[in-house]
Amino acid sequence: MKDYKTHYNKLLRQVEDLLDKYIPDREPNILYEPFRYIVSGGGKRIRPVLTMLSCGAVGGDAHDAIYAGAAIEIMHNFTLVHDDIMDESPIRRGKKTIHLKWDEPTAILTGDVMVGYSYKLLENYSSRAQVAKMYETLTHGLIEVCEGQVFDMMFNEKKDVSVDDYLLTIRKKTAKILETCVVLGAYAGNATEKQIAALKEYALYLGIAFQMQDDVLDLTADEAALGKHIGQDIIEGKKTWLMIEARKRVAKPEDKELIDRFFTNNGLDESDIDNVRNILFDLNIIEDATNEAQQYFEKAKLALSPLEHNDYTEMLLWLADTLNKRKY
């Protein structure tokens, strides 16, 4: 198995097929139609495939982790539904967000029922010990992601956000979801503690790299490919590594005024996005953030060294390299 992209796509199709069959077609339709809408709306499906790859990397059958992978994918989409409400985001993956296409109460209930269906998927595992570990992992992941969202909200109101604050948030949110993926996959493959520790470290660094890269793509990607408005983080007042560094480095009075206004007002108007982007390019912040993300991708790859070499550990290395090159 050397054509990793083909094998990745095969696993992805298996996940898509399971999700398509799993999402209920039942009443009340006002609850389940938005569920189908968000989960069938595409996305990269990195999380469920990562779960399956992790199972294979510890010597298990990758397909054994498909139910755990689908569970974390639904859980991830639940967080997006509720995040979009809190951030007042209008678009997700090129489509109207649920709270705008329907309404906020419907979006809240849709997210809630998705959590239930995430746990229900784990009933497909026959070992009670295995299921108990998976339940504990999914629960702990959900709690930490919620904590991360609160930190994100708190830091959005804070005027002096530090890089440490930023890293704490993405460890709790982006990295924790990926850690949950690899641990669920490891349990599906009956991993040792040593194997789990290596995968958790891989997920931590991969998550940090992925989020830093996401922050850059928010300003540099093609809008149609990205599936949301360019510069949405600037409008929403997200205190990313980019903006924290801009505040440190900016010198020109007019540029300083704009960056300070971003922190004071917790965001800027859409008309300011091009100016902010120009400042970030002029100060080499975009380039430095890209390089910083790349270092975390390399740390993620190094974290896999304790694992016994097989096709799936190779695929995890390939995945880090592939994500490092993504354009949206």
C-alpha atoms as a PDB file:
ATOM      1  CA  MET A   1       0.000   0.000   0.000  1.00  0.00           C
ATOM      2  CA  LYS A   2       2.018   2.933  -1.279  1.00  0.00           C
ATOM      3  CA  ASP A   3      -0.701   4.924  -3.027  1.00  0.00           C
ATOM      4  CA  TYR A   4      -1.724   6.627   0.202  1.00  0.00           C
ATOM      5  CA  LYS A   5      -4.109   9.092  -1.390  1.00  0.00           C
ATOM      6  CA  THR A   6      -6.127   6.291  -2.996  1.00  0.00           C
ATOM      7  CA  HIS A   7      -6.274   4.372   0.275  1.00  0.00           C
ATOM      8  CA  TYR A   8      -7.212   7.526   2.188  1.00  0.00           C
ATOM      9  CA  ASN A   9     -10.055   8.154  -0.259  1.00  0.00           C
ATOM     10  CA  LYS A  10     -11.207   4.548   0.150  1.00  0.00           C
ATOM     11  CA  LEU A  11     -11.439   4.984   3.923  1.00  0.00           C
ATOM     12  CA  LEU A  12     -13.165   8.341   3.430  1.00  0.00           C
ATOM     13  CA  ARG A  13     -15.823   6.750   1.182  1.00  0.00           C
ATOM     14  CA  GLN A  14     -16.449   4.083   3.819  1.00  0.00           C
ATOM     15  CA  VAL A  15     -17.049   6.822   6.391  1.00  0.00           C
ATOM     16  CA  GLU A  16     -19.321   8.731   4.004  1.00  0.00           C
ATOM     17  CA  ASP A  17     -21.366   5.590   3.343  1.00  0.00           C
ATOM     18  CA  LEU A  18     -21.766   4.897   7.059  1.00  0.00           C
ATOM     19  CA  LEU A  19     -22.791   8.473   7.853  1.00  0.00           C
ATOM     20  CA  ASP A  20     -25.279   8.480   4.980  1.00  0.00           C
ATOM     21  CA  LYS A  21     -26.945   5.322   6.326  1.00  0.00           C
ATOM     22  CA  TYR A  22     -26.692   6.316   9.977  1.00  0.00           C
ATOM     23  CA  ILE A  23     -28.347   9.736  10.038  1.00  0.00           C
ATOM     24  CA  PRO A  24     -31.998   8.979  10.758  1.00  0.00           C
ATOM     25  CA  ASP A  25     -34.812   9.703   8.327  1.00  0.00           C
ATOM     26  CA  ARG A  26     -37.542  10.118  10.914  1.00  0.00           C
ATOM     27  CA  GLU A  27     -39.779  12.638  12.636  1.00  0.00           C
ATOM     28  CA  PRO A  28     -39.543  15.333  13.735  1.00  0.00           C
ATOM     29  CA  ASN A  29     -38.001  16.277  10.408  1.00  0.00           C
ATOM     30  CA  ILE A  30     -37.237  19.792  11.698  1.00  0.00           C
ATOM     31  CA  LEU A  31     -34.652  18.121  13.968  1.00  0.00           C
ATOM     32  CA  TYR A  32     -33.150  15.558  11.607  1.00  0.00           C
ATOM     33  CA  GLU A  33     -33.097  17.552   8.381  1.00  0.00           C
ATOM     34  CA  PRO A  34     -30.525  20.037   9.784  1.00  0.00           C
ATOM     35  CA  PHE A  35     -28.559  17.040  11.144  1.00  0.00           C
ATOM     36  CA  ARG A  36     -28.343  15.579   7.637  1.00  0.00           C
ATOM     37  CA  TYR A  37     -27.655  19.043   6.192  1.00  0.00           C
ATOM     38  CA  ILE A  38     -24.528  19.689   8.289  1.00  0.00           C
ATOM     39  CA  VAL A  39     -23.077  16.169   8.227  1.00  0.00           C
ATOM     40  CA  SER A  40     -23.700  15.620   4.505  1.00  0.00           C
ATOM     41  CA  GLY A  41     -22.248  19.046   3.747  1.00  0.00           C
ATOM     42  CA  GLY A  42     -18.820  17.627   3.095  1.00  0.00           C
ATOM     43  CA  GLY A  43     -15.749  18.728   4.959  1.00  0.00           C
ATOM     44  CA  LYS A  44     -12.353  17.103   4.826  1.00  0.00           C
ATOM     45  CA  ARG A  45     -13.329  14.155   7.048  1.00  0.00           C
ATOM     46  CA  ILE A  46      -9.811  14.208   8.474  1.00  0.00           C
ATOM     47  CA  ARG A  47     -11.007  13.190  11.928  1.00  0.00           C
ATOM     48  CA  PRO A  48     -12.745   9.888  11.146  1.00  0.00           C
ATOM     49  CA  VAL A  49     -10.000   8.815   8.753  1.00  0.00           C
ATOM     50  CA  LEU A  50      -7.368   9.770  11.348  1.00  0.00           C
ATOM     51  CA  THR A  51      -9.220   7.529  13.817  1.00  0.00           C
ATOM     52  CA  MET A  52      -9.011   4.610  11.382  1.00  0.00           C
ATOM     53  CA  LEU A  53      -5.354   5.258  10.542  1.00  0.00           C
ATOM     54  CA  SER A  54      -4.484   5.298  14.247  1.00  0.00           C
ATOM     55  CA  CYS A  55      -6.121   1.909  14.694  1.00  0.00           C
ATOM     56  CA  GLY A  56      -4.019   0.527  11.848  1.00  0.00           C
ATOM     57  CA  ALA A  57      -0.865   2.191  13.176  1.00  0.00           C
ATOM     58  CA  VAL A  58      -1.077   0.197  16.435  1.00  0.00           C
ATOM     59  CA  GLY A  59      -1.559  -3.077  14.568  1.00  0.00           C
ATOM     60  CA  GLY A  60      -5.347  -3.234  14.417  1.00  0.00           C
ATOM     61  CA  ASP A  61      -7.705  -3.498  11.458  1.00  0.00           C
ATOM     62  CA  ALA A  62      -8.373   0.103  10.406  1.00  0.00           C
ATOM     63  CA  HIS A  63     -11.979  -0.712   9.531  1.00  0.00           C
ATOM     64  CA  ASP A  64     -12.642  -1.705  13.146  1.00  0.00           C
ATOM     65  CA  ALA A  65     -12.403   1.993  14.054  1.00  0.00           C
ATOM     66  CA  ILE A  66     -15.004   3.211  11.551  1.00  0.00           C
ATOM     67  CA  TYR A  67     -17.812   3.554  14.125  1.00  0.00           C
ATOM     68  CA  ALA A  68     -15.533   5.484  16.493  1.00  0.00           C
ATOM     69  CA  GLY A  69     -14.434   7.648  13.554  1.00  0.00           C
ATOM     70  CA  ALA A  70     -18.024   8.402  12.575  1.00  0.00           C
ATOM     71  CA  ALA A  71     -18.796   9.217  16.233  1.00  0.00           C
ATOM     72  CA  ILE A  72     -16.035  11.825  16.437  1.00  0.00           C
ATOM     73  CA  GLU A  73     -17.033  13.269  13.052  1.00  0.00           C
ATOM     74  CA  ILE A  74     -20.592  13.825  14.263  1.00  0.00           C
ATOM     75  CA  MET A  75     -19.278  15.241  17.544  1.00  0.00           C
ATOM     76  CA  HIS A  76     -17.005  17.603  15.611  1.00  0.00           C
ATOM     77  CA  ASN A  77     -19.928  18.793  13.499  1.00  0.00           C
ATOM     78  CA  PHE A  78     -21.940  19.396  16.658  1.00  0.00           C
ATOM     79  CA  THR A  79     -19.239  21.810  17.837  1.00  0.00           C
ATOM     80  CA  LEU A  80     -19.419  23.630  14.504  1.00  0.00           C
ATOM     81  CA  VAL A  81     -23.189  24.074  14.757  1.00  0.00           C
ATOM     82  CA  HIS A  82     -22.924  25.656  18.197  1.00  0.00           C
ATOM     83  CA  ASP A  83     -19.760  27.625  17.347  1.00  0.00           C
ATOM     84  CA  ASP A  84     -21.543  29.171  14.367  1.00  0.00           C
ATOM     85  CA  ILE A  85     -24.330  30.388  16.647  1.00  0.00           C
ATOM     86  CA  MET A  86     -21.893  31.927  19.123  1.00  0.00           C
ATOM     87  CA  ASP A  87     -19.751  33.488  16.381  1.00  0.00           C
ATOM     88  CA  GLU A  88     -22.800  34.581  14.342  1.00  0.00           C
ATOM     89  CA  SER A  89     -21.175  32.974  11.302  1.00  0.00           C
ATOM     90  CA  PRO A  90     -23.270  33.186   8.138  1.00  0.00           C
ATOM     91  CA  ILE A  91     -21.578  30.505   6.021  1.00  0.00           C
ATOM     92  CA  ARG A  92     -20.132  27.058   6.670  1.00  0.00           C
ATOM     93  CA  ARG A  93     -18.624  25.022   3.817  1.00  0.00           C
ATOM     94  CA  GLY A  94     -20.147  27.347   1.280  1.00  0.00           C
ATOM     95  CA  LYS A  95     -23.690  26.966   2.634  1.00  0.00           C
ATOM     96  CA  LYS A  96     -25.878  28.895   5.072  1.00  0.00           C
ATOM     97  CA  THR A  97     -25.259  27.974   8.677  1.00  0.00           C
ATOM     98  CA  ILE A  98     -28.066  26.081  10.410  1.00  0.00           C
ATOM     99  CA  HIS A  99     -29.115  28.917  12.706  1.00  0.00           C
ATOM    100  CA  LEU A 100     -29.685  31.142   9.657  1.00  0.00           C
ATOM    101  CA  LYS A 101     -31.238  28.534   7.367  1.00  0.00           C
ATOM    102  CA  TRP A 102     -33.607  27.483  10.168  1.00  0.00           C
ATOM    103  CA  ASP A 103     -33.315  29.330  13.498  1.00  0.00           C
ATOM    104  CA  GLU A 104     -31.239  29.323  16.682  1.00  0.00           C
ATOM    105  CA  PRO A 105     -33.458  26.986  18.767  1.00  0.00           C
ATOM    106  CA  THR A 106     -33.392  24.434  15.935  1.00  0.00           C
ATOM    107  CA  ALA A 107     -29.610  24.726  15.653  1.00  0.00           C
ATOM    108  CA  ILE A 108     -29.154  24.250  19.411  1.00  0.00           C
ATOM    109  CA  LEU A 109     -31.370  21.149  19.467  1.00  0.00           C
ATOM    110  CA  THR A 110     -29.703  19.763  16.350  1.00  0.00           C
ATOM    111  CA  GLY A 111     -26.322  20.031  18.043  1.00  0.00           C
ATOM    112  CA  ASP A 112     -27.703  18.383  21.173  1.00  0.00           C
ATOM    113  CA  VAL A 113     -29.147  15.389  19.331  1.00  0.00           C
ATOM    114  CA  MET A 114     -25.887  14.961  17.424  1.00  0.00           C
ATOM    115  CA  VAL A 115     -24.073  14.399  20.729  1.00  0.00           C
ATOM    116  CA  GLY A 116     -26.502  11.601  21.529  1.00  0.00           C
ATOM    117  CA  TYR A 117     -25.994   9.948  18.155  1.00  0.00           C
ATOM    118  CA  SER A 118     -22.214  10.189  18.562  1.00  0.00           C
ATOM    119  CA  TYR A 119     -22.371   8.067  21.709  1.00  0.00           C
ATOM    120  CA  LYS A 120     -24.898   5.701  20.120  1.00  0.00           C
ATOM    121  CA  LEU A 121     -22.364   4.734  17.443  1.00  0.00           C
ATOM    122  CA  LEU A 122     -20.048   3.307  20.103  1.00  0.00           C
ATOM    123  CA  GLU A 123     -22.676   0.669  20.904  1.00  0.00           C
ATOM    124  CA  ASN A 124     -21.370  -1.190  17.839  1.00  0.00           C
ATOM    125  CA  TYR A 125     -18.335  -2.405  19.825  1.00  0.00           C
ATOM    126  CA  SER A 126     -18.877  -5.705  21.622  1.00  0.00           C
ATOM    127  CA  SER A 127     -16.176  -5.469  24.297  1.00  0.00           C
ATOM    128  CA  ARG A 128     -17.570  -3.750  27.400  1.00  0.00           C
ATOM    129  CA  ALA A 129     -14.079  -2.707  28.485  1.00  0.00           C
ATOM    130  CA  GLN A 130     -13.381  -1.250  25.056  1.00  0.00           C
ATOM    131  CA  VAL A 131     -16.689   0.649  24.997  1.00  0.00           C
ATOM    132  CA  ALA A 132     -16.096   1.997  28.506  1.00  0.00           C
ATOM    133  CA  LYS A 133     -12.693   3.396  27.481  1.00  0.00           C
ATOM    134  CA  MET A 134     -14.184   4.912  24.335  1.00  0.00           C
ATOM    135  CA  TYR A 135     -17.044   6.521  26.279  1.00  0.00           C
ATOM    136  CA  GLU A 136     -14.559   7.991  28.734  1.00  0.00           C
ATOM    137  CA  THR A 137     -12.375   9.296  25.877  1.00  0.00           C
ATOM    138  CA  LEU A 138     -15.283  10.880  24.000  1.00  0.00           C
ATOM    139  CA  THR A 139     -16.650  12.428  27.192  1.00  0.00           C
ATOM    140  CA  HIS A 140     -13.292  13.880  28.213  1.00  0.00           C
ATOM    141  CA  GLY A 141     -12.797  15.249  24.705  1.00  0.00           C
ATOM    142  CA  LEU A 142     -16.221  16.905  24.721  1.00  0.00           C
ATOM    143  CA  ILE A 143     -15.588  18.525  28.118  1.00  0.00           C
ATOM    144  CA  GLU A 144     -12.210  19.927  27.047  1.00  0.00           C
ATOM    145  CA  VAL A 145     -13.556  21.253  23.746  1.00  0.00           C
ATOM    146  CA  CYS A 146     -16.316  23.071  25.638  1.00  0.00           C
ATOM    147  CA  GLU A 147     -13.692  24.480  28.014  1.00  0.00           C
ATOM    148  CA  GLY A 148     -11.668  25.577  25.000  1.00  0.00           C
ATOM    149  CA  GLN A 149     -14.670  27.358  23.526  1.00  0.00           C
ATOM    150  CA  VAL A 150     -15.151  29.265  26.779  1.00  0.00           C
ATOM    151  CA  PHE A 151     -11.476  30.280  26.766  1.00  0.00           C
ATOM    152  CA  ASP A 152     -11.929  31.377  23.156  1.00  0.00           C
ATOM    153  CA  MET A 153     -14.903  33.545  24.152  1.00  0.00           C
ATOM    154  CA  MET A 154     -13.056  34.939  27.168  1.00  0.00           C
ATOM    155  CA  PHE A 155     -10.000  35.806  25.103  1.00  0.00           C
ATOM    156  CA  ASN A 156     -12.194  37.477  22.497  1.00  0.00           C
ATOM    157  CA  GLU A 157     -13.136  39.992  25.184  1.00  0.00           C
ATOM    158  CA  LYS A 158      -9.612  40.251  26.591  1.00  0.00           C
ATOM    159  CA  LYS A 159      -7.448  43.093  25.249  1.00  0.00           C
ATOM    160  CA  ASP A 160      -4.015  41.668  26.112  1.00  0.00           C
ATOM    161  CA  VAL A 161      -4.188  38.121  24.779  1.00  0.00           C
ATOM    162  CA  SER A 162      -0.810  36.356  24.759  1.00  0.00           C
ATOM    163  CA  VAL A 163       0.585  33.591  22.542  1.00  0.00           C
ATOM    164  CA  ASP A 164       0.227  31.267  25.563  1.00  0.00           C
ATOM    165  CA  ASP A 165      -3.485  32.133  25.734  1.00  0.00           C
ATOM    166  CA  TYR A 166      -3.830  31.374  22.033  1.00  0.00           C
ATOM    167  CA  LEU A 167      -2.020  28.030  22.358  1.00  0.00           C
ATOM    168  CA  LEU A 168      -4.150  27.046  25.353  1.00  0.00           C
ATOM    169  CA  THR A 169      -7.306  27.604  23.322  1.00  0.00           C
ATOM    170  CA  ILE A 170      -6.210  25.551  20.337  1.00  0.00           C
ATOM    171  CA  ARG A 171      -4.873  22.765  22.547  1.00  0.00           C
ATOM    172  CA  LYS A 172      -8.306  22.554  24.149  1.00  0.00           C
ATOM    173  CA  LYS A 173     -10.230  22.793  20.886  1.00  0.00           C
ATOM    174  CA  THR A 174      -8.513  21.746  17.658  1.00  0.00           C
ATOM    175  CA  ALA A 175      -5.788  19.554  19.172  1.00  0.00           C
ATOM    176  CA  LYS A 176      -8.106  17.887  21.706  1.00  0.00           C
ATOM    177  CA  ILE A 177     -10.505  16.726  19.006  1.00  0.00           C
ATOM    178  CA  LEU A 178      -7.581  15.175  17.105  1.00  0.00           C
ATOM    179  CA  GLU A 179      -6.281  13.587  20.300  1.00  0.00           C
ATOM    180  CA  THR A 180      -9.731  12.095  20.867  1.00  0.00           C
ATOM    181  CA  CYS A 181      -9.596  10.656  17.337  1.00  0.00           C
ATOM    182  CA  VAL A 182      -6.261   8.911  17.791  1.00  0.00           C
ATOM    183  CA  VAL A 183      -7.111   7.545  21.246  1.00  0.00           C
ATOM    184  CA  LEU A 184     -10.449   6.156  20.032  1.00  0.00           C
ATOM    185  CA  GLY A 185      -8.635   4.542  17.111  1.00  0.00           C
ATOM    186  CA  ALA A 186      -5.961   3.189  19.438  1.00  0.00           C
ATOM    187  CA  TYR A 187      -8.577   1.572  21.687  1.00  0.00           C
ATOM    188  CA  ALA A 188     -10.268   0.037  18.641  1.00  0.00           C
ATOM    189  CA  GLY A 189      -6.859  -1.489  17.813  1.00  0.00           C
ATOM    190  CA  ASN A 190      -6.129  -2.631  21.401  1.00  0.00           C
ATOM    191  CA  ALA A 191      -3.086  -0.366  21.706  1.00  0.00           C
ATOM    192  CA  THR A 192      -0.499  -0.296  24.473  1.00  0.00           C
ATOM    193  CA  GLU A 193      -0.030   2.759  26.695  1.00  0.00           C
ATOM    194  CA  LYS A 194       3.246   3.511  24.897  1.00  0.00           C
ATOM    195  CA  GLN A 195       1.476   3.527  21.523  1.00  0.00           C
ATOM    196  CA  ILE A 196      -1.308   5.746  22.868  1.00  0.00           C
ATOM    197  CA  ALA A 197       1.216   8.238  24.295  1.00  0.00           C
ATOM    198  CA  ALA A 198       2.989   8.530  20.912  1.00  0.00           C
ATOM    199  CA  LEU A 199      -0.304   9.065  19.066  1.00  0.00           C
ATOM    200  CA  LYS A 200      -1.448  11.699  21.586  1.00  0.00           C
ATOM    201  CA  GLU A 201       1.765  13.666  21.090  1.00  0.00           C
ATOM    202  CA  TYR A 202       1.341  13.395  17.316  1.00  0.00           C
ATOM    203  CA  ALA A 203      -2.234  14.697  17.600  1.00  0.00           C
ATOM    204  CA  LEU A 204      -1.220  17.597  19.845  1.00  0.00           C
ATOM    205  CA  TYR A 205       1.369  18.946  17.420  1.00  0.00           C
ATOM    206  CA  LEU A 206      -0.799  18.177  14.385  1.00  0.00           C
ATOM    207  CA  GLY A 207      -3.681  20.110  15.960  1.00  0.00           C
ATOM    208  CA  ILE A 208      -1.566  23.176  16.717  1.00  0.00           C
ATOM    209  CA  ALA A 209      -0.102  23.136  13.212  1.00  0.00           C
ATOM    210  CA  PHE A 210      -3.524  22.665  11.626  1.00  0.00           C
ATOM    211  CA  GLN A 211      -5.078  25.595  13.515  1.00  0.00           C
ATOM    212  CA  MET A 212      -2.187  27.966  12.848  1.00  0.00           C
ATOM    213  CA  GLN A 213      -2.433  27.047   9.189  1.00  0.00           C
ATOM    214  CA  ASP A 214      -6.209  27.581   9.314  1.00  0.00           C
ATOM    215  CA  ASP A 215      -5.628  31.089  10.667  1.00  0.00           C
ATOM    216  CA  VAL A 216      -3.346  31.870   7.728  1.00  0.00           C
ATOM    217  CA  LEU A 217      -5.773  30.381   5.200  1.00  0.00           C
ATOM    218  CA  ASP A 218      -8.555  32.561   6.594  1.00  0.00           C
ATOM    219  CA  LEU A 219      -6.720  35.469   4.947  1.00  0.00           C
ATOM    220  CA  THR A 220      -4.955  33.812   2.014  1.00  0.00           C
ATOM    221  CA  ALA A 221      -7.150  31.017   0.634  1.00  0.00           C
ATOM    222  CA  ASP A 222      -9.496  31.181  -2.318  1.00  0.00           C
ATOM    223  CA  GLU A 223     -12.908  32.075  -0.866  1.00  0.00           C
ATOM    224  CA  ALA A 224     -14.850  29.547  -2.942  1.00  0.00           C
ATOM    225  CA  ALA A 225     -12.495  26.726  -1.950  1.00  0.00           C
ATOM    226  CA  LEU A 226     -12.435  27.822   1.704  1.00  0.00           C
ATOM    227  CA  GLY A 227     -16.234  27.719   1.904  1.00  0.00           C
ATOM    228  CA  LYS A 228     -16.570  30.896   3.985  1.00  0.00           C
ATOM    229  CA  HIS A 229     -15.806  34.585   3.697  1.00  0.00           C
ATOM    230  CA  ILE A 230     -12.131  35.543   3.594  1.00  0.00           C
ATOM    231  CA  GLY A 231     -11.132  37.443   6.726  1.00  0.00           C
ATOM    232  CA  GLN A 232     -13.993  36.130   8.856  1.00  0.00           C
ATOM    233  CA  ASP A 233     -11.584  35.828  11.814  1.00  0.00           C
ATOM    234  CA  ILE A 234     -10.823  39.553  11.535  1.00  0.00           C
ATOM    235  CA  ILE A 235     -14.517  40.446  11.527  1.00  0.00           C
ATOM    236  CA  GLU A 236     -15.208  38.158  14.516  1.00  0.00           C
ATOM    237  CA  GLY A 237     -12.233  39.509  16.468  1.00  0.00           C
ATOM    238  CA  LYS A 238     -10.345  36.200  16.738  1.00  0.00           C
ATOM    239  CA  LYS A 239      -7.102  36.778  18.653  1.00  0.00           C
ATOM    240  CA  THR A 240      -4.926  34.549  16.482  1.00  0.00           C
ATOM    241  CA  TRP A 241      -1.139  34.224  16.491  1.00  0.00           C
ATOM    242  CA  LEU A 242      -1.171  36.527  13.461  1.00  0.00           C
ATOM    243  CA  MET A 243      -2.898  39.402  15.246  1.00  0.00           C
ATOM    244  CA  ILE A 244      -0.958  38.942  18.491  1.00  0.00           C
ATOM    245  CA  GLU A 245       2.288  39.195  16.525  1.00  0.00           C
ATOM    246  CA  ALA A 246       0.975  42.160  14.533  1.00  0.00           C
ATOM    247  CA  ARG A 247       0.375  44.069  17.738  1.00  0.00           C
ATOM    248  CA  LYS A 248       3.972  43.388  18.826  1.00  0.00           C
ATOM    249  CA  ARG A 249       5.594  44.344  15.526  1.00  0.00           C
ATOM    250  CA  VAL A 250       3.515  47.145  14.056  1.00  0.00           C
ATOM    251  CA  ALA A 251       5.241  50.553  13.961  1.00  0.00           C
ATOM    252  CA  LYS A 252       3.535  52.822  11.411  1.00  0.00           C
ATOM    253  CA  PRO A 253       1.011  55.050  13.231  1.00  0.00           C
ATOM    254  CA  GLU A 254      -1.861  54.360  10.832  1.00  0.00           C
ATOM    255  CA  ASP A 255      -1.190  50.606  10.948  1.00  0.00           C
ATOM    256  CA  LYS A 256      -0.886  50.648  14.728  1.00  0.00           C
ATOM    257  CA  GLU A 257      -4.212  52.464  14.988  1.00  0.00           C
ATOM    258  CA  LEU A 258      -5.929  49.783  12.899  1.00  0.00           C
ATOM    259  CA  ILE A 259      -4.462  46.851  14.875  1.00  0.00           C
ATOM    260  CA  ASP A 260      -5.250  48.547  18.188  1.00  0.00           C
ATOM    261  CA  ARG A 261      -8.816  49.113  17.003  1.00  0.00           C
ATOM    262  CA  PHE A 262      -9.113  45.397  16.249  1.00  0.00           C
ATOM    263  CA  PHE A 263      -8.254  44.558  19.875  1.00  0.00           C
ATOM    264  CA  THR A 264     -10.312  47.377  21.375  1.00  0.00           C
ATOM    265  CA  ASN A 265     -13.455  46.663  19.357  1.00  0.00           C
ATOM    266  CA  ASN A 266     -13.036  42.859  19.249  1.00  0.00           C
ATOM    267  CA  GLY A 267     -13.031  42.870  15.470  1.00  0.00           C
ATOM    268  CA  LEU A 268     -13.135  45.121  12.424  1.00  0.00           C
ATOM    269  CA  ASP A 269     -15.384  45.859   9.492  1.00  0.00           C
ATOM    270  CA  GLU A 270     -15.155  43.849   6.301  1.00  0.00           C
ATOM    271  CA  SER A 271     -13.738  46.947   4.587  1.00  0.00           C
ATOM    272  CA  ASP A 272     -10.646  46.726   6.835  1.00  0.00           C
ATOM    273  CA  ILE A 273      -9.676  43.172   5.871  1.00  0.00           C
ATOM    274  CA  ASP A 274      -7.440  44.086   2.922  1.00  0.00           C
ATOM    275  CA  ASN A 275      -5.539  46.619   5.029  1.00  0.00           C
ATOM    276  CA  VAL A 276      -4.976  44.098   7.810  1.00  0.00           C
ATOM    277  CA  ARG A 277      -3.820  41.500   5.311  1.00  0.00           C
ATOM    278  CA  ASN A 278      -1.358  43.961   3.775  1.00  0.00           C
ATOM    279  CA  ILE A 279       0.071  44.754   7.222  1.00  0.00           C
ATOM    280  CA  LEU A 280       0.538  41.061   7.980  1.00  0.00           C
ATOM    281  CA  PHE A 281       2.337  40.489   4.695  1.00  0.00           C
ATOM    282  CA  ASP A 282       4.503  43.622   5.067  1.00  0.00           C
ATOM    283  CA  LEU A 283       5.636  42.533   8.543  1.00  0.00           C
ATOM    284  CA  ASN A 284       6.353  38.966   7.316  1.00  0.00           C
ATOM    285  CA  ILE A 285       3.828  37.649   9.824  1.00  0.00           C
ATOM    286  CA  ILE A 286       2.056  35.436   7.279  1.00  0.00           C
ATOM    287  CA  GLU A 287       5.375  33.853   6.307  1.00  0.00           C
ATOM    288  CA  ASP A 288       6.467  33.436   9.932  1.00  0.00           C
ATOM    289  CA  ALA A 289       3.150  31.841  10.923  1.00  0.00           C
ATOM    290  CA  THR A 290       3.436  29.421   7.998  1.00  0.00           C
ATOM    291  CA  ASN A 291       6.949  28.491   9.113  1.00  0.00           C
ATOM    292  CA  GLU A 292       5.793  28.107  12.722  1.00  0.00           C
ATOM    293  CA  ALA A 293       3.025  25.747  11.615  1.00  0.00           C
ATOM    294  CA  GLN A 294       5.512  23.767   9.555  1.00  0.00           C
ATOM    295  CA  GLN A 295       7.700  23.235  12.634  1.00  0.00           C
ATOM    296  CA  TYR A 296       4.723  21.790  14.486  1.00  0.00           C
ATOM    297  CA  PHE A 297       3.984  19.476  11.547  1.00  0.00           C
ATOM    298  CA  GLU A 298       7.581  18.214  11.807  1.00  0.00           C
ATOM    299  CA  LYS A 299       7.209  17.697  15.578  1.00  0.00           C
ATOM    300  CA  ALA A 300       4.073  15.671  14.899  1.00  0.00           C
ATOM    301  CA  LYS A 301       5.967  13.379  12.546  1.00  0.00           C
ATOM    302  CA  LEU A 302       8.813  12.903  15.028  1.00  0.00           C
ATOM    303  CA  ALA A 303       6.311  11.948  17.726  1.00  0.00           C
ATOM    304  CA  LEU A 304       5.489   8.765  15.794  1.00  0.00           C
ATOM    305  CA  SER A 305       9.033   7.356  16.097  1.00  0.00           C
ATOM    306  CA  PRO A 306       8.205   5.042  19.068  1.00  0.00           C
ATOM    307  CA  LEU A 307       5.577   3.225  16.957  1.00  0.00           C
ATOM    308  CA  GLU A 308       6.469   0.083  15.080  1.00  0.00           C
ATOM    309  CA  HIS A 309       6.755   0.858  11.382  1.00  0.00           C
ATOM    310  CA  ASN A 310       3.864  -0.214   9.156  1.00  0.00           C
ATOM    311  CA  ASP A 311       1.783   1.132   6.259  1.00  0.00           C
ATOM    312  CA  TYR A 312      -0.477   3.087   8.616  1.00  0.00           C
ATOM    313  CA  THR A 313       2.325   4.848  10.458  1.00  0.00           C
ATOM    314  CA  GLU A 314       3.575   5.809   6.999  1.00  0.00           C
ATOM    315  CA  MET A 315       0.110   7.129   6.201  1.00  0.00           C
ATOM    316  CA  LEU A 316       0.131   9.246   9.362  1.00  0.00           C
ATOM    317  CA  LEU A 317       3.421  10.777   8.203  1.00  0.00           C
ATOM    318  CA  TRP A 318       1.928  11.292   4.742  1.00  0.00           C
ATOM    319  CA  LEU A 319      -1.163  12.913   6.280  1.00  0.00           C
ATOM    320  CA  ALA A 320       0.971  15.464   8.153  1.00  0.00           C
ATOM    321  CA  ASP A 321       2.804  16.333   4.928  1.00  0.00           C
ATOM    322  CA  THR A 322      -0.461  16.531   2.985  1.00  0.00           C
ATOM    323  CA  LEU A 323      -2.077  18.844   5.513  1.00  0.00           C
ATOM    324  CA  ASN A 324       1.067  20.964   5.510  1.00  0.00           C
ATOM    325  CA  LYS A 325       0.514  21.627   1.796  1.00  0.00           C
ATOM    326  CA  ARG A 326      -3.235  22.284   1.886  1.00  0.00           C
ATOM    327  CA  LYS A 327      -4.627  25.433   0.309  1.00  0.00           C
ATOM    328  CA  TYR A 328      -8.060  25.539   1.992  1.00  0.00           C
END
